[in-house]
Protein backbone atom coordinates (compact mmCIF):
# COMPACT_ATOMS: atom_id res chain seq x y z
CA MET A 1 -59.04 -1.97 -95.56
CA MET A 2 -60.42 -0.64 -92.60
CA ARG A 3 -58.72 1.80 -90.51
CA VAL A 4 -59.13 1.65 -86.72
CA ASN A 5 -58.12 4.47 -84.60
CA LEU A 6 -56.25 3.06 -81.51
CA LEU A 7 -55.26 6.37 -79.99
CA PRO A 8 -58.15 6.61 -77.51
CA HIS A 9 -57.57 3.01 -76.44
CA ARG A 10 -53.86 3.69 -75.80
CA GLU A 11 -54.76 6.82 -73.95
CA ILE A 12 -57.15 4.91 -71.66
CA ARG A 13 -54.56 2.23 -71.07
CA ARG A 14 -51.89 4.81 -70.22
CA LYS A 15 -54.27 6.43 -67.70
CA GLN A 16 -54.95 3.02 -66.12
CA GLN A 17 -51.21 2.32 -65.85
CA GLN A 18 -50.61 5.74 -64.30
CA GLN A 19 -53.39 5.10 -61.77
CA GLN A 20 -51.98 1.65 -60.98
CA PHE A 21 -48.50 3.18 -60.59
CA ALA A 22 -49.83 5.94 -58.31
CA LEU A 23 -51.76 3.35 -56.29
CA ALA A 24 -48.67 1.12 -56.03
CA LEU A 25 -46.56 4.15 -55.08
CA ALA A 26 -49.06 5.17 -52.40
CA LEU A 27 -49.22 1.59 -51.12
CA VAL A 28 -45.38 1.36 -50.96
CA ALA A 29 -45.25 4.75 -49.19
CA ILE A 30 -47.84 3.62 -46.63
CA VAL A 31 -46.02 0.30 -46.05
CA GLY A 32 -42.67 2.17 -45.83
CA ALA A 33 -44.08 4.66 -43.33
CA ALA A 34 -45.62 1.83 -41.28
CA LEU A 35 -42.34 -0.07 -41.37
CA ALA A 36 -40.36 3.06 -40.40
CA TYR A 37 -42.78 3.71 -37.52
CA GLY A 38 -42.47 0.05 -36.42
CA VAL A 39 -38.64 0.23 -36.46
CA TYR A 40 -38.75 3.58 -34.61
CA PHE A 41 -41.15 2.13 -32.01
CA TYR A 42 -38.99 -1.00 -31.58
CA LEU A 43 -35.77 1.02 -31.21
CA SER A 44 -37.48 3.46 -28.85
CA GLU A 45 -38.60 0.55 -26.66
CA GLN A 46 -35.09 -0.93 -26.75
CA TYR A 47 -33.60 2.46 -25.80
CA ASP A 48 -36.05 2.91 -22.92
CA ASP A 49 -35.32 -0.63 -21.71
CA HIS A 50 -31.59 0.04 -21.92
CA VAL A 51 -31.96 3.31 -19.98
CA SER A 52 -33.99 1.59 -17.28
CA ARG A 53 -31.38 -1.21 -17.00
CA ASN A 54 -28.60 1.37 -16.74
CA LYS A 55 -30.53 3.20 -14.02
CA TYR A 56 -31.04 -0.07 -12.13
CA LEU A 57 -27.34 -0.93 -12.47
CA THR A 58 -26.33 2.55 -11.29
CA GLU A 59 -28.54 2.19 -8.21
CA GLU A 60 -27.15 -1.27 -7.48
CA ILE A 61 -23.57 -0.03 -7.95
CA ALA A 62 -24.28 2.76 -5.48
CA LYS A 63 -25.58 0.19 -2.98
CA VAL A 64 -22.51 -2.01 -3.48
CA ASP A 65 -20.21 1.01 -3.12
CA LYS A 66 -21.85 1.80 0.23
CA GLU A 67 -21.37 -1.81 1.30
CA ILE A 68 -17.72 -1.72 0.20
CA ALA A 69 -17.19 1.50 2.16
CA GLU A 70 -18.73 -0.17 5.21
CA ILE A 71 -16.51 -3.24 4.73
CA ASN A 72 -13.42 -1.00 4.43
CA ARG A 73 -14.44 0.86 7.58
CA LEU A 74 -14.86 -2.46 9.40
CA LYS A 75 -11.46 -3.62 8.11
CA GLU A 76 -9.87 -0.43 9.44
CA GLN A 77 -11.56 -0.94 12.81
CA THR A 78 -10.40 -4.56 12.85
CA ALA A 79 -6.84 -3.53 12.04
CA SER A 80 -6.95 -0.88 14.74
CA LEU A 81 -8.26 -3.36 17.29
CA LEU A 82 -5.62 -5.92 16.28
CA ALA A 83 -2.91 -3.28 16.68
CA ARG A 84 -4.23 -2.41 20.14
CA LYS A 85 -4.37 -6.08 21.03
CA GLN A 86 -0.77 -6.50 19.86
CA VAL A 87 0.34 -3.56 22.02
CA VAL A 88 -1.44 -5.01 25.05
CA GLU A 89 0.08 -8.44 24.42
CA THR A 90 3.54 -6.88 24.05
CA LEU A 91 3.11 -4.94 27.27
CA GLN A 92 1.84 -8.07 29.00
CA SER A 93 4.76 -10.18 27.82
CA ASN A 94 7.36 -7.47 28.61
CA ARG A 95 6.00 -6.25 31.93
CA SER A 96 8.74 -7.97 33.94
CA GLU A 97 11.46 -7.00 31.44
CA THR A 98 12.33 -3.77 33.27
CA VAL A 99 12.72 -5.60 36.55
CA HIS A 100 15.04 -8.15 34.93
CA LEU A 101 16.97 -5.36 33.22
CA LEU A 102 17.60 -3.46 36.45
CA ASP A 103 18.41 -6.70 38.30
CA GLN A 104 20.97 -7.69 35.68
CA LEU A 105 22.53 -4.22 35.64
CA VAL A 106 22.94 -4.27 39.43
CA ARG A 107 24.41 -7.78 39.36
CA GLN A 108 26.83 -7.07 36.49
CA LEU A 109 27.98 -3.59 37.63
CA PRO A 110 31.54 -3.72 39.03
CA ASP A 111 32.65 -1.72 42.09
CA GLY A 112 33.87 1.82 41.47
CA MET A 113 31.19 2.53 38.88
CA TYR A 114 27.74 4.10 39.04
CA LEU A 115 25.04 4.73 36.49
CA ARG A 116 23.58 8.15 35.71
CA SER A 117 20.82 7.07 33.33
CA VAL A 118 19.33 3.97 31.73
CA LYS A 119 17.03 4.47 28.73
CA GLN A 120 15.19 1.68 26.98
CA GLN A 121 13.87 1.97 23.42
CA GLY A 122 12.36 -1.34 22.37
CA ALA A 123 15.03 -4.00 22.75
CA LYS A 124 17.89 -1.46 22.94
CA VAL A 125 19.13 0.04 26.20
CA VAL A 126 21.37 3.11 26.40
CA ILE A 127 23.45 3.21 29.61
CA ASN A 128 25.21 6.37 30.75
CA GLY A 129 27.46 6.23 33.79
CA VAL A 130 30.65 7.25 35.57
CA THR A 131 33.60 4.98 36.39
CA GLN A 132 36.94 5.35 38.16
CA SER A 133 38.85 3.60 35.36
CA GLN A 134 38.36 2.46 31.80
CA ALA A 135 39.16 -1.11 32.83
CA ARG A 136 35.93 -1.24 34.82
CA VAL A 137 34.00 -0.41 31.64
CA SER A 138 35.67 -3.41 29.97
CA THR A 139 34.69 -5.56 32.95
CA LEU A 140 31.09 -4.33 32.70
CA MET A 141 31.02 -5.16 28.98
CA ARG A 142 32.33 -8.71 29.63
CA ASN A 143 29.78 -9.19 32.43
CA LEU A 144 26.93 -7.99 30.19
CA GLU A 145 28.09 -10.27 27.35
CA SER A 146 27.90 -13.29 29.68
CA SER A 147 24.45 -12.31 30.97
CA GLN A 148 21.42 -14.38 29.90
CA LYS A 149 19.11 -11.34 29.73
CA LEU A 150 21.47 -8.78 28.15
CA GLY A 151 23.89 -9.03 25.24
CA ASN A 152 25.83 -7.27 22.48
CA PRO A 153 27.28 -4.46 24.59
CA ALA A 154 28.76 -1.70 22.45
CA LEU A 155 30.71 1.22 23.86
CA VAL A 156 29.61 4.48 22.24
CA GLU A 157 32.04 6.84 23.97
CA ILE A 158 34.20 7.23 27.03
CA LYS A 159 35.67 10.56 28.12
CA ALA A 160 37.58 11.88 31.09
CA LEU A 161 35.78 14.09 33.60
CA PRO A 162 37.67 16.79 35.49
CA GLN A 163 36.92 16.24 39.21
CA GLY A 164 39.80 17.78 41.08
CA THR A 165 42.28 15.21 42.38
CA THR A 166 40.33 12.04 41.47
CA ARG A 167 40.16 10.64 37.98
CA ALA A 168 36.75 9.79 36.62
CA ASN A 169 35.51 8.75 33.22
CA GLU A 170 32.02 9.19 31.79
CA PHE A 171 30.83 6.48 29.41
CA THR A 172 27.88 5.74 27.16
CA MET A 173 27.08 2.17 26.13
CA ASN A 174 24.38 0.39 24.12
CA VAL A 175 23.11 -3.04 25.18
CA ASP A 176 20.52 -5.35 23.63
CA ILE A 177 17.83 -7.06 25.69
CA ILE A 178 17.68 -10.74 24.83
CA ARG A 179 14.06 -11.78 24.39
CA PRO A 180 12.70 -15.31 24.00
CA LYS A 181 12.48 -16.55 20.39
CA SER A 182 8.64 -16.49 20.33
CA GLU A 183 8.54 -12.70 20.85
CA LYS A 184 10.95 -11.82 18.02
CA GLY A 185 8.71 -13.16 15.23
């Protein structure tokens, strides 16, 4: 029988397999590096795109914020102008109110009584005066209650004044001005 020595052949084959393995390993490393670079490049582009979109949105938000501030300023101006208009309309509608108030007070004031002060605050009037008797204050209250321009008289206080031999009483009274229904709303 013949003996064949296969050791060199196995050795050559092992070297070929090692070379193929090294070549495959190098090829996989190159493909892996190329793939990693491709993913990095793609993600870098996505990140840059996202940053640019965020910058654009921030700029647009700043523009919209300026527009909102301008709108709020215009709303405040509008509200201020409407308030002024309301004041002018109120003054216009109530310009003859003082004349009617004084006219009604003169017409409803009984003899033996005079007024020291009349103060108006909105639809309320505070009357301060002097009378010879408390009965005249009651008469004034009834007269004011029957008036078409004045109503709801309420006596705040009445006190005696020392004036020598004559008796006098000082009184304070609140009265409401009756306004037309359209002005109350």
